[in-house]
Amino acid sequence: MRLPISITDLAIWPMTKEETATEAATYGTIIEFTNRFMSFTDTPKSQSGSISGDGAVTNQYYGKDGGELALNIQRLVAAERVSLYGEKKKTDDTTAMGKSDVIPYSAVAFTVENDDGTIDLYKYSKVKLVEQAQSVEQKAENGIKYSTASLKGTYIFDRKNNEARYIKEDMSPTTDAAEIAAWYANAEFTAYVSG
C-alpha cells in the first residue's frame, strides 16, 4: 500500500499580471521554501443545487468550485512577505503591512513523497494566499519547539485552461527526473511528453 510520508520542494510564483482572454499571465521570481515546508491541507469546494417539480426533486447539480489550500512553513522573510502579500519595504529594511496592500494571485507547486519511493507532484495555477496565524513557542527545557507560519489561500480556475489543480502520481525520482524538473521549470502547467 502506497502512503504519503513527507512533503518537499514548495515553490511559489507570485503573479505580476493576471491572464486575460488573449494574454497569458506573467509571474515574478520563484520563491523556494527549501527545508521549511511543514504541512499542507487541500480542501476542495463544491456547489450544489436541485430543481423540483410536482413535489419531487427532478434534477440535481453538483460541481467543483476550486478550494482552499493551507500551507505551513517555517518563517517568512521580508522579501517573501513583500512578494506574497504586497507588503511594503521601507528604506530602513522594515516591512510594513498597510491598508492598501494588494495581494497577488500565485502559482504553487510541491512534492509529496510516498513510502514506496515514488513521489506525487501537485501544482495549483491560481491561488491567493493570505497570511494566517504564526506560532512561536518558548524553547523547551528538554528540546526545541519550532515556530511555523500558516498561509491559507483560495484556489480558483484559471482563464486559460479553466483548470485549478494538477496532480501527477507515482513518479520515479530517477526515471522521471526530466518530467519532475519540467514541473518546476515555470509557474504554468505544461504537459510533459518524453521523447
N, C-alpha and C. Protein backbone atom coordinates (compact mmCIF):
# COMPACT_ATOMS: atom_id res chain seq x y z
N MET A 1 0.84 -1.18 0.00
CA MET A 1 0.00 0.00 0.00
C MET A 1 0.89 1.25 0.00
N ARG A 2 0.63 2.17 -0.91
CA ARG A 2 1.41 3.39 -1.06
C ARG A 2 0.85 4.47 -0.15
N LEU A 3 1.69 4.99 0.77
CA LEU A 3 1.24 6.02 1.71
C LEU A 3 2.16 7.23 1.65
N PRO A 4 1.60 8.44 1.70
CA PRO A 4 2.44 9.64 1.75
C PRO A 4 3.15 9.75 3.09
N ILE A 5 4.45 10.11 3.04
CA ILE A 5 5.22 10.19 4.28
C ILE A 5 5.91 11.54 4.48
N SER A 6 6.03 12.34 3.42
CA SER A 6 6.75 13.61 3.56
C SER A 6 6.35 14.56 2.44
N ILE A 7 6.61 15.83 2.65
CA ILE A 7 6.38 16.84 1.63
C ILE A 7 7.65 17.67 1.45
N THR A 8 7.94 18.05 0.21
CA THR A 8 9.18 18.78 -0.07
C THR A 8 8.96 19.76 -1.23
N ASP A 9 9.98 20.55 -1.46
CA ASP A 9 10.11 21.36 -2.67
C ASP A 9 8.96 22.32 -2.92
N LEU A 10 8.48 22.99 -1.88
CA LEU A 10 7.44 24.00 -2.08
C LEU A 10 8.01 25.16 -2.88
N ALA A 11 7.31 25.51 -3.95
CA ALA A 11 7.69 26.65 -4.80
C ALA A 11 6.46 27.50 -5.06
N ILE A 12 6.62 28.81 -4.97
CA ILE A 12 5.51 29.73 -5.22
C ILE A 12 5.99 30.80 -6.19
N TRP A 13 5.17 31.06 -7.21
CA TRP A 13 5.45 32.11 -8.19
C TRP A 13 4.37 33.19 -8.05
N PRO A 14 4.66 34.36 -7.47
CA PRO A 14 3.65 35.42 -7.41
C PRO A 14 3.34 35.94 -8.82
N MET A 15 2.07 36.14 -9.09
CA MET A 15 1.62 36.62 -10.40
C MET A 15 1.80 38.13 -10.45
N THR A 16 2.48 38.63 -11.48
CA THR A 16 2.67 40.07 -11.63
C THR A 16 1.62 40.69 -12.54
N LYS A 17 1.04 39.87 -13.40
CA LYS A 17 -0.04 40.34 -14.28
C LYS A 17 -0.97 39.17 -14.53
N GLU A 18 -2.26 39.37 -14.25
CA GLU A 18 -3.22 38.29 -14.45
C GLU A 18 -3.47 38.04 -15.92
N GLU A 19 -3.89 36.82 -16.21
CA GLU A 19 -4.19 36.46 -17.59
C GLU A 19 -5.47 37.13 -18.05
N THR A 20 -5.57 37.31 -19.34
CA THR A 20 -6.80 37.82 -19.95
C THR A 20 -7.27 36.77 -20.95
N ALA A 21 -8.32 37.08 -21.66
CA ALA A 21 -8.82 36.13 -22.66
C ALA A 21 -7.81 35.92 -23.78
N THR A 22 -6.93 36.90 -24.00
CA THR A 22 -5.98 36.78 -25.11
C THR A 22 -4.52 36.68 -24.68
N GLU A 23 -4.20 37.03 -23.44
CA GLU A 23 -2.80 37.03 -23.00
C GLU A 23 -2.61 36.12 -21.79
N ALA A 24 -1.46 35.46 -21.75
CA ALA A 24 -1.11 34.60 -20.61
C ALA A 24 -0.70 35.47 -19.43
N ALA A 25 -0.80 34.91 -18.24
CA ALA A 25 -0.34 35.60 -17.03
C ALA A 25 1.17 35.70 -17.04
N THR A 26 1.69 36.68 -16.30
CA THR A 26 3.13 36.77 -16.10
C THR A 26 3.41 36.63 -14.61
N TYR A 27 4.59 36.11 -14.30
CA TYR A 27 4.93 35.79 -12.92
C TYR A 27 6.25 36.42 -12.53
N GLY A 28 6.38 36.69 -11.23
CA GLY A 28 7.62 37.20 -10.68
C GLY A 28 8.58 36.07 -10.39
N THR A 29 9.59 36.37 -9.61
CA THR A 29 10.64 35.41 -9.27
C THR A 29 10.09 34.31 -8.38
N ILE A 30 10.50 33.09 -8.66
CA ILE A 30 10.09 31.94 -7.87
C ILE A 30 10.59 32.07 -6.43
N ILE A 31 9.75 31.68 -5.48
CA ILE A 31 10.13 31.62 -4.07
C ILE A 31 10.20 30.15 -3.70
N GLU A 32 11.37 29.68 -3.28
CA GLU A 32 11.55 28.28 -2.92
C GLU A 32 11.68 28.16 -1.40
N PHE A 33 10.90 27.26 -0.82
CA PHE A 33 10.89 27.08 0.63
C PHE A 33 11.66 25.81 0.98
N THR A 34 12.93 25.78 0.63
CA THR A 34 13.78 24.62 0.87
C THR A 34 13.92 24.37 2.37
N ASN A 35 13.64 23.16 2.78
CA ASN A 35 13.74 22.73 4.18
C ASN A 35 12.85 23.52 5.14
N ARG A 36 11.81 24.18 4.63
CA ARG A 36 10.91 24.95 5.51
C ARG A 36 9.45 24.54 5.37
N PHE A 37 9.12 23.61 4.47
CA PHE A 37 7.74 23.21 4.21
C PHE A 37 7.34 22.14 5.21
N MET A 38 6.35 22.44 6.04
CA MET A 38 5.98 21.55 7.15
C MET A 38 4.74 20.71 6.87
N SER A 39 3.68 21.30 6.31
CA SER A 39 2.45 20.55 6.05
C SER A 39 1.56 21.33 5.10
N PHE A 40 0.59 20.61 4.51
CA PHE A 40 -0.42 21.28 3.69
C PHE A 40 -1.76 20.60 3.90
N THR A 41 -2.82 21.36 3.64
CA THR A 41 -4.18 20.83 3.65
C THR A 41 -4.88 21.38 2.42
N ASP A 42 -5.48 20.50 1.64
CA ASP A 42 -6.22 20.87 0.44
C ASP A 42 -7.68 20.50 0.68
N THR A 43 -8.56 21.51 0.68
CA THR A 43 -9.99 21.28 0.91
C THR A 43 -10.77 21.78 -0.30
N PRO A 44 -11.09 20.89 -1.25
CA PRO A 44 -11.87 21.31 -2.42
C PRO A 44 -13.25 21.82 -2.01
N LYS A 45 -13.76 22.78 -2.78
CA LYS A 45 -15.11 23.31 -2.55
C LYS A 45 -16.04 22.78 -3.65
N SER A 46 -17.30 22.77 -3.36
CA SER A 46 -18.27 22.33 -4.35
C SER A 46 -19.50 23.22 -4.31
N GLN A 47 -20.25 23.16 -5.37
CA GLN A 47 -21.54 23.84 -5.44
C GLN A 47 -22.58 22.78 -5.73
N SER A 48 -23.74 22.96 -5.17
CA SER A 48 -24.81 22.01 -5.46
C SER A 48 -26.13 22.75 -5.54
N GLY A 49 -27.06 22.14 -6.21
CA GLY A 49 -28.40 22.71 -6.33
C GLY A 49 -29.33 21.64 -6.87
N SER A 50 -30.61 21.89 -6.73
CA SER A 50 -31.58 20.93 -7.26
C SER A 50 -32.80 21.69 -7.73
N ILE A 51 -33.56 21.04 -8.57
CA ILE A 51 -34.81 21.60 -9.07
C ILE A 51 -35.91 20.58 -8.82
N SER A 52 -37.03 21.09 -8.42
CA SER A 52 -38.14 20.20 -8.10
C SER A 52 -39.32 20.47 -9.01
N GLY A 53 -40.08 19.45 -9.22
CA GLY A 53 -41.32 19.54 -9.99
C GLY A 53 -42.31 18.52 -9.47
N ASP A 54 -43.55 18.89 -9.38
CA ASP A 54 -44.59 18.01 -8.87
C ASP A 54 -44.25 17.45 -7.50
N GLY A 55 -43.63 18.27 -6.66
CA GLY A 55 -43.34 17.87 -5.29
C GLY A 55 -42.17 16.93 -5.12
N ALA A 56 -41.38 16.70 -6.17
CA ALA A 56 -40.23 15.79 -6.06
C ALA A 56 -39.02 16.42 -6.75
N VAL A 57 -37.84 16.05 -6.30
CA VAL A 57 -36.61 16.51 -6.94
C VAL A 57 -36.52 15.87 -8.31
N THR A 58 -36.40 16.70 -9.34
CA THR A 58 -36.32 16.16 -10.71
C THR A 58 -34.92 16.21 -11.29
N ASN A 59 -34.07 17.06 -10.73
CA ASN A 59 -32.70 17.13 -11.23
C ASN A 59 -31.81 17.74 -10.14
N GLN A 60 -30.56 17.27 -10.09
CA GLN A 60 -29.60 17.80 -9.14
C GLN A 60 -28.33 18.18 -9.86
N TYR A 61 -27.69 19.21 -9.33
CA TYR A 61 -26.40 19.66 -9.85
C TYR A 61 -25.38 19.58 -8.72
N TYR A 62 -24.21 19.08 -9.04
CA TYR A 62 -23.12 19.04 -8.08
C TYR A 62 -21.84 19.29 -8.86
N GLY A 63 -21.13 20.37 -8.56
CA GLY A 63 -19.93 20.69 -9.31
C GLY A 63 -18.81 21.19 -8.43
N LYS A 64 -17.60 21.15 -8.96
CA LYS A 64 -16.43 21.62 -8.23
C LYS A 64 -16.30 23.12 -8.38
N ASP A 65 -15.72 23.75 -7.36
CA ASP A 65 -15.58 25.20 -7.37
C ASP A 65 -14.27 25.61 -6.71
N GLY A 66 -13.14 25.09 -7.22
CA GLY A 66 -11.85 25.43 -6.63
C GLY A 66 -11.72 24.84 -5.24
N GLY A 67 -11.06 25.56 -4.34
CA GLY A 67 -10.89 25.05 -2.98
C GLY A 67 -10.01 25.94 -2.15
N GLU A 68 -9.68 25.44 -0.96
CA GLU A 68 -8.79 26.15 -0.05
C GLU A 68 -7.51 25.34 0.13
N LEU A 69 -6.39 26.03 0.08
CA LEU A 69 -5.08 25.43 0.27
C LEU A 69 -4.42 26.09 1.47
N ALA A 70 -4.07 25.29 2.47
CA ALA A 70 -3.37 25.81 3.65
C ALA A 70 -1.96 25.24 3.65
N LEU A 71 -0.96 26.10 3.80
CA LEU A 71 0.44 25.70 3.81
C LEU A 71 1.06 26.14 5.13
N ASN A 72 1.78 25.25 5.78
CA ASN A 72 2.51 25.60 7.00
C ASN A 72 4.00 25.53 6.70
N ILE A 73 4.67 26.62 6.96
CA ILE A 73 6.10 26.72 6.67
C ILE A 73 6.82 27.26 7.90
N GLN A 74 8.12 27.17 7.88
CA GLN A 74 8.91 27.81 8.93
C GLN A 74 9.38 29.16 8.41
N ARG A 75 8.99 30.20 9.07
CA ARG A 75 9.49 31.55 8.89
C ARG A 75 9.37 32.12 7.47
N LEU A 76 8.67 33.21 7.35
CA LEU A 76 8.66 34.01 6.13
C LEU A 76 9.64 35.15 6.31
N VAL A 77 10.47 35.42 5.31
CA VAL A 77 11.39 36.55 5.38
C VAL A 77 10.75 37.75 4.69
N ALA A 78 11.34 38.91 4.89
CA ALA A 78 10.78 40.17 4.41
C ALA A 78 10.46 40.15 2.92
N ALA A 79 11.39 39.70 2.09
CA ALA A 79 11.18 39.70 0.64
C ALA A 79 10.00 38.81 0.26
N GLU A 80 9.79 37.72 1.00
CA GLU A 80 8.67 36.82 0.71
C GLU A 80 7.34 37.48 1.09
N ARG A 81 7.31 38.22 2.20
CA ARG A 81 6.08 38.92 2.58
C ARG A 81 5.74 40.01 1.57
N VAL A 82 6.75 40.67 1.03
CA VAL A 82 6.52 41.69 0.01
C VAL A 82 5.93 41.05 -1.25
N SER A 83 6.50 39.94 -1.70
CA SER A 83 6.04 39.27 -2.92
C SER A 83 4.67 38.62 -2.77
N LEU A 84 4.45 37.96 -1.64
CA LEU A 84 3.21 37.20 -1.45
C LEU A 84 2.03 38.03 -0.98
N TYR A 85 2.27 39.04 -0.15
CA TYR A 85 1.19 39.79 0.47
C TYR A 85 1.11 41.24 0.02
N GLY A 86 2.03 41.68 -0.82
CA GLY A 86 2.01 43.06 -1.28
C GLY A 86 2.43 44.05 -0.21
N GLU A 87 3.12 43.56 0.85
CA GLU A 87 3.59 44.48 1.88
C GLU A 87 4.68 45.38 1.30
N LYS A 88 4.95 46.47 1.97
CA LYS A 88 5.94 47.44 1.50
C LYS A 88 7.21 47.34 2.33
N LYS A 89 8.35 47.50 1.65
CA LYS A 89 9.63 47.51 2.34
C LYS A 89 10.08 48.96 2.48
N LYS A 90 10.37 49.37 3.69
CA LYS A 90 10.80 50.73 3.98
C LYS A 90 12.30 50.87 3.73
N THR A 91 12.78 52.10 3.71
CA THR A 91 14.19 52.36 3.44
C THR A 91 15.12 51.79 4.51
N ASP A 92 14.59 51.58 5.72
CA ASP A 92 15.43 51.03 6.79
C ASP A 92 15.30 49.50 6.88
N ASP A 93 14.78 48.87 5.82
CA ASP A 93 14.58 47.41 5.73
C ASP A 93 13.46 46.87 6.61
N THR A 94 12.60 47.74 7.11
CA THR A 94 11.40 47.31 7.82
C THR A 94 10.33 46.99 6.79
N THR A 95 9.59 45.91 7.01
CA THR A 95 8.44 45.65 6.14
C THR A 95 7.19 46.08 6.89
N ALA A 96 6.27 46.69 6.16
CA ALA A 96 5.06 47.23 6.78
C ALA A 96 3.83 46.67 6.09
N MET A 97 2.88 46.19 6.91
CA MET A 97 1.58 45.78 6.40
C MET A 97 0.71 47.02 6.36
N GLY A 98 0.19 47.32 5.18
CA GLY A 98 -0.61 48.53 5.03
C GLY A 98 -2.02 48.24 4.54
N LYS A 99 -2.88 49.21 4.72
CA LYS A 99 -4.28 49.08 4.31
C LYS A 99 -4.42 48.93 2.80
N SER A 100 -3.49 49.49 2.05
CA SER A 100 -3.59 49.47 0.59
C SER A 100 -2.80 48.33 -0.06
N ASP A 101 -2.28 47.38 0.75
CA ASP A 101 -1.55 46.25 0.17
C ASP A 101 -2.45 45.46 -0.77
N VAL A 102 -1.92 45.09 -1.93
CA VAL A 102 -2.67 44.29 -2.90
C VAL A 102 -2.03 42.91 -2.96
N ILE A 103 -2.79 41.90 -2.57
CA ILE A 103 -2.28 40.53 -2.55
C ILE A 103 -2.45 39.93 -3.94
N PRO A 104 -1.35 39.50 -4.57
CA PRO A 104 -1.47 38.93 -5.91
C PRO A 104 -1.87 37.46 -5.88
N TYR A 105 -2.38 36.98 -6.99
CA TYR A 105 -2.53 35.54 -7.15
C TYR A 105 -1.13 34.95 -7.30
N SER A 106 -1.01 33.66 -7.01
CA SER A 106 0.26 32.95 -7.16
C SER A 106 0.00 31.57 -7.74
N ALA A 107 1.04 30.99 -8.32
CA ALA A 107 1.03 29.58 -8.68
C ALA A 107 1.84 28.86 -7.61
N VAL A 108 1.41 27.65 -7.23
CA VAL A 108 2.04 26.90 -6.15
C VAL A 108 2.32 25.48 -6.64
N ALA A 109 3.51 24.96 -6.32
CA ALA A 109 3.85 23.57 -6.65
C ALA A 109 4.60 22.95 -5.48
N PHE A 110 4.41 21.65 -5.29
CA PHE A 110 5.18 20.93 -4.28
C PHE A 110 5.14 19.43 -4.58
N THR A 111 5.95 18.69 -3.81
CA THR A 111 6.11 17.26 -3.99
C THR A 111 5.68 16.53 -2.72
N VAL A 112 4.98 15.41 -2.90
CA VAL A 112 4.64 14.53 -1.79
C VAL A 112 5.42 13.23 -2.00
N GLU A 113 6.21 12.85 -1.01
CA GLU A 113 6.99 11.61 -1.09
C GLU A 113 6.18 10.48 -0.47
N ASN A 114 6.23 9.30 -1.10
CA ASN A 114 5.49 8.12 -0.65
C ASN A 114 6.43 7.08 -0.06
N ASP A 115 5.88 6.19 0.77
CA ASP A 115 6.72 5.19 1.45
C ASP A 115 7.30 4.14 0.51
N ASP A 116 6.80 4.05 -0.73
CA ASP A 116 7.36 3.08 -1.68
C ASP A 116 8.45 3.69 -2.56
N GLY A 117 8.87 4.93 -2.27
CA GLY A 117 9.93 5.59 -3.03
C GLY A 117 9.44 6.45 -4.18
N THR A 118 8.15 6.39 -4.51
CA THR A 118 7.60 7.23 -5.58
C THR A 118 7.25 8.60 -5.01
N ILE A 119 6.97 9.53 -5.90
CA ILE A 119 6.52 10.85 -5.48
C ILE A 119 5.29 11.26 -6.28
N ASP A 120 4.51 12.15 -5.70
CA ASP A 120 3.36 12.75 -6.38
C ASP A 120 3.65 14.25 -6.50
N LEU A 121 3.33 14.81 -7.65
CA LEU A 121 3.54 16.23 -7.90
C LEU A 121 2.21 16.97 -7.85
N TYR A 122 2.20 18.13 -7.21
CA TYR A 122 1.00 18.96 -7.11
C TYR A 122 1.31 20.34 -7.68
N LYS A 123 0.36 20.90 -8.41
CA LYS A 123 0.51 22.28 -8.89
C LYS A 123 -0.87 22.94 -8.91
N TYR A 124 -0.92 24.15 -8.36
CA TYR A 124 -2.13 24.96 -8.33
C TYR A 124 -1.85 26.20 -9.17
N SER A 125 -2.69 26.47 -10.14
CA SER A 125 -2.36 27.53 -11.09
C SER A 125 -2.73 28.93 -10.63
N LYS A 126 -3.71 29.07 -9.72
CA LYS A 126 -4.14 30.42 -9.34
C LYS A 126 -4.65 30.41 -7.90
N VAL A 127 -3.77 30.80 -6.98
CA VAL A 127 -4.09 30.80 -5.56
C VAL A 127 -3.81 32.20 -5.00
N LYS A 128 -4.73 32.71 -4.20
CA LYS A 128 -4.49 33.98 -3.50
C LYS A 128 -4.21 33.63 -2.05
N LEU A 129 -2.94 33.72 -1.65
CA LEU A 129 -2.51 33.34 -0.31
C LEU A 129 -2.63 34.51 0.66
N VAL A 130 -3.18 34.24 1.83
CA VAL A 130 -3.35 35.25 2.86
C VAL A 130 -2.65 34.75 4.12
N GLU A 131 -1.94 35.65 4.77
CA GLU A 131 -1.22 35.28 5.99
C GLU A 131 -2.20 34.89 7.09
N GLN A 132 -1.91 33.80 7.75
CA GLN A 132 -2.73 33.32 8.87
C GLN A 132 -1.91 33.41 10.15
N ALA A 133 -2.20 32.54 11.06
CA ALA A 133 -1.52 32.57 12.36
C ALA A 133 -0.05 32.21 12.23
N GLN A 134 0.75 32.88 13.01
CA GLN A 134 2.14 32.50 13.16
C GLN A 134 2.34 32.11 14.61
N SER A 135 2.87 30.92 14.84
CA SER A 135 3.05 30.49 16.23
C SER A 135 4.52 30.33 16.54
N VAL A 136 4.90 30.85 17.68
CA VAL A 136 6.26 30.72 18.18
C VAL A 136 6.15 30.28 19.63
N GLU A 137 6.87 29.23 19.98
CA GLU A 137 6.85 28.75 21.37
C GLU A 137 8.21 28.94 22.00
N GLN A 138 8.21 29.09 23.28
CA GLN A 138 9.46 29.20 24.03
C GLN A 138 10.24 27.89 23.89
N LYS A 139 11.52 28.00 23.84
CA LYS A 139 12.36 26.81 23.78
C LYS A 139 12.13 25.98 25.04
N ALA A 140 11.81 24.70 24.84
CA ALA A 140 11.51 23.83 25.99
C ALA A 140 12.79 23.38 26.66
N GLU A 141 12.69 23.02 27.91
CA GLU A 141 13.85 22.58 28.67
C GLU A 141 14.46 21.30 28.09
N ASN A 142 13.61 20.43 27.56
CA ASN A 142 14.09 19.14 27.06
C ASN A 142 14.19 19.09 25.53
N GLY A 143 14.06 20.20 24.86
CA GLY A 143 14.16 20.17 23.39
C GLY A 143 13.82 21.52 22.80
N ILE A 144 13.70 21.53 21.49
CA ILE A 144 13.44 22.77 20.77
C ILE A 144 12.03 22.73 20.20
N LYS A 145 11.30 23.81 20.30
CA LYS A 145 9.99 23.97 19.69
C LYS A 145 10.18 24.87 18.46
N TYR A 146 9.75 24.39 17.31
CA TYR A 146 9.91 25.16 16.09
C TYR A 146 8.69 26.03 15.84
N SER A 147 8.90 27.21 15.34
CA SER A 147 7.80 28.10 15.01
C SER A 147 7.34 27.83 13.59
N THR A 148 6.08 28.10 13.32
CA THR A 148 5.56 27.95 11.96
C THR A 148 4.71 29.15 11.60
N ALA A 149 4.65 29.42 10.31
CA ALA A 149 3.76 30.45 9.78
C ALA A 149 2.76 29.73 8.87
N SER A 150 1.50 30.11 8.96
CA SER A 150 0.47 29.49 8.14
C SER A 150 0.04 30.44 7.04
N LEU A 151 -0.03 29.92 5.83
CA LEU A 151 -0.56 30.66 4.70
C LEU A 151 -1.80 29.91 4.25
N LYS A 152 -2.87 30.61 4.04
CA LYS A 152 -4.10 29.96 3.58
C LYS A 152 -4.58 30.71 2.36
N GLY A 153 -4.99 29.97 1.37
CA GLY A 153 -5.43 30.62 0.15
C GLY A 153 -6.58 29.90 -0.50
N THR A 154 -7.31 30.64 -1.28
CA THR A 154 -8.39 30.07 -2.07
C THR A 154 -7.86 29.89 -3.49
N TYR A 155 -7.98 28.68 -4.02
CA TYR A 155 -7.57 28.49 -5.40
C TYR A 155 -8.80 28.44 -6.29
N ILE A 156 -8.63 29.02 -7.48
CA ILE A 156 -9.73 29.11 -8.43
C ILE A 156 -9.26 28.60 -9.78
N PHE A 157 -10.18 28.48 -10.70
CA PHE A 157 -9.86 28.03 -12.05
C PHE A 157 -9.24 29.18 -12.84
N ASP A 158 -8.18 28.88 -13.60
CA ASP A 158 -7.58 29.92 -14.43
C ASP A 158 -8.41 30.10 -15.70
N ARG A 159 -8.23 31.24 -16.35
CA ARG A 159 -8.98 31.52 -17.58
C ARG A 159 -8.48 30.72 -18.77
N LYS A 160 -7.18 30.51 -18.80
CA LYS A 160 -6.57 29.87 -19.98
C LYS A 160 -7.06 28.44 -20.19
N ASN A 161 -7.00 27.62 -19.14
CA ASN A 161 -7.37 26.21 -19.26
C ASN A 161 -8.66 25.85 -18.53
N ASN A 162 -9.17 26.80 -17.73
CA ASN A 162 -10.32 26.55 -16.86
C ASN A 162 -10.04 25.36 -15.93
N GLU A 163 -8.81 25.33 -15.42
CA GLU A 163 -8.37 24.27 -14.50
C GLU A 163 -7.72 24.91 -13.28
N ALA A 164 -7.84 24.24 -12.13
CA ALA A 164 -7.35 24.84 -10.89
C ALA A 164 -6.21 24.06 -10.25
N ARG A 165 -6.20 22.73 -10.39
CA ARG A 165 -5.21 21.92 -9.70
C ARG A 165 -4.78 20.77 -10.60
N TYR A 166 -3.47 20.47 -10.53
CA TYR A 166 -2.90 19.36 -11.30
C TYR A 166 -2.18 18.43 -10.33
N ILE A 167 -2.37 17.13 -10.49
CA ILE A 167 -1.68 16.14 -9.66
C ILE A 167 -1.15 15.06 -10.59
N LYS A 168 0.13 14.75 -10.46
CA LYS A 168 0.77 13.67 -11.22
C LYS A 168 1.31 12.69 -10.19
N GLU A 169 0.82 11.45 -10.20
CA GLU A 169 1.14 10.47 -9.16
C GLU A 169 2.14 9.42 -9.63
N ASP A 170 2.72 8.75 -8.64
CA ASP A 170 3.58 7.59 -8.85
C ASP A 170 4.78 7.85 -9.76
N MET A 171 5.43 8.97 -9.55
CA MET A 171 6.60 9.32 -10.34
C MET A 171 7.85 8.73 -9.69
N SER A 172 8.79 8.29 -10.51
CA SER A 172 10.06 7.79 -10.01
C SER A 172 11.07 8.95 -9.99
N PRO A 173 11.69 9.23 -8.85
CA PRO A 173 12.66 10.33 -8.79
C PRO A 173 13.83 10.17 -9.77
N THR A 174 14.15 8.95 -10.15
CA THR A 174 15.26 8.74 -11.08
C THR A 174 14.78 8.64 -12.53
N THR A 175 13.85 7.75 -12.80
CA THR A 175 13.37 7.54 -14.17
C THR A 175 12.64 8.76 -14.72
N ASP A 176 11.88 9.46 -13.88
CA ASP A 176 11.07 10.59 -14.32
C ASP A 176 11.70 11.94 -13.96
N ALA A 177 13.01 11.97 -13.80
CA ALA A 177 13.70 13.20 -13.36
C ALA A 177 13.44 14.38 -14.30
N ALA A 178 13.42 14.15 -15.61
CA ALA A 178 13.20 15.25 -16.56
C ALA A 178 11.79 15.81 -16.42
N GLU A 179 10.82 14.95 -16.23
CA GLU A 179 9.44 15.41 -16.06
C GLU A 179 9.27 16.17 -14.74
N ILE A 180 9.93 15.71 -13.70
CA ILE A 180 9.87 16.39 -12.41
C ILE A 180 10.50 17.77 -12.52
N ALA A 181 11.63 17.87 -13.20
CA ALA A 181 12.29 19.17 -13.40
C ALA A 181 11.38 20.11 -14.21
N ALA A 182 10.68 19.57 -15.21
CA ALA A 182 9.78 20.38 -16.03
C ALA A 182 8.61 20.91 -15.20
N TRP A 183 8.19 20.14 -14.20
CA TRP A 183 7.08 20.55 -13.33
C TRP A 183 7.41 21.86 -12.61
N TYR A 184 8.70 22.02 -12.25
CA TYR A 184 9.14 23.21 -11.51
C TYR A 184 9.79 24.26 -12.41
N ALA A 185 9.83 24.03 -13.71
CA ALA A 185 10.53 24.94 -14.61
C ALA A 185 9.86 26.30 -14.71
N ASN A 186 8.54 26.34 -14.60
CA ASN A 186 7.83 27.61 -14.63
C ASN A 186 6.49 27.48 -13.92
N ALA A 187 5.81 28.60 -13.77
CA ALA A 187 4.57 28.62 -12.99
C ALA A 187 3.41 27.94 -13.69
N GLU A 188 3.38 28.01 -15.01
CA GLU A 188 2.27 27.43 -15.74
C GLU A 188 2.38 25.92 -15.85
N PHE A 189 1.23 25.27 -15.92
CA PHE A 189 1.24 23.83 -16.14
C PHE A 189 1.45 23.57 -17.61
N THR A 190 2.43 22.72 -17.92
CA THR A 190 2.66 22.26 -19.28
C THR A 190 2.79 20.76 -19.23
N ALA A 191 1.95 20.08 -19.98
CA ALA A 191 2.03 18.61 -20.01
C ALA A 191 3.37 18.22 -20.58
N TYR A 192 4.02 17.28 -19.90
CA TYR A 192 5.35 16.84 -20.32
C TYR A 192 5.22 15.53 -21.07
N VAL A 193 5.78 15.49 -22.27
CA VAL A 193 5.79 14.25 -23.05
C VAL A 193 7.24 13.89 -23.32
N SER A 194 7.67 12.71 -22.88
CA SER A 194 9.07 12.31 -23.08
C SER A 194 9.32 11.91 -24.52
N GLY A 195 10.58 12.03 -24.91
CA GLY A 195 11.00 11.59 -26.26
C GLY A 195 10.84 12.67 -27.21
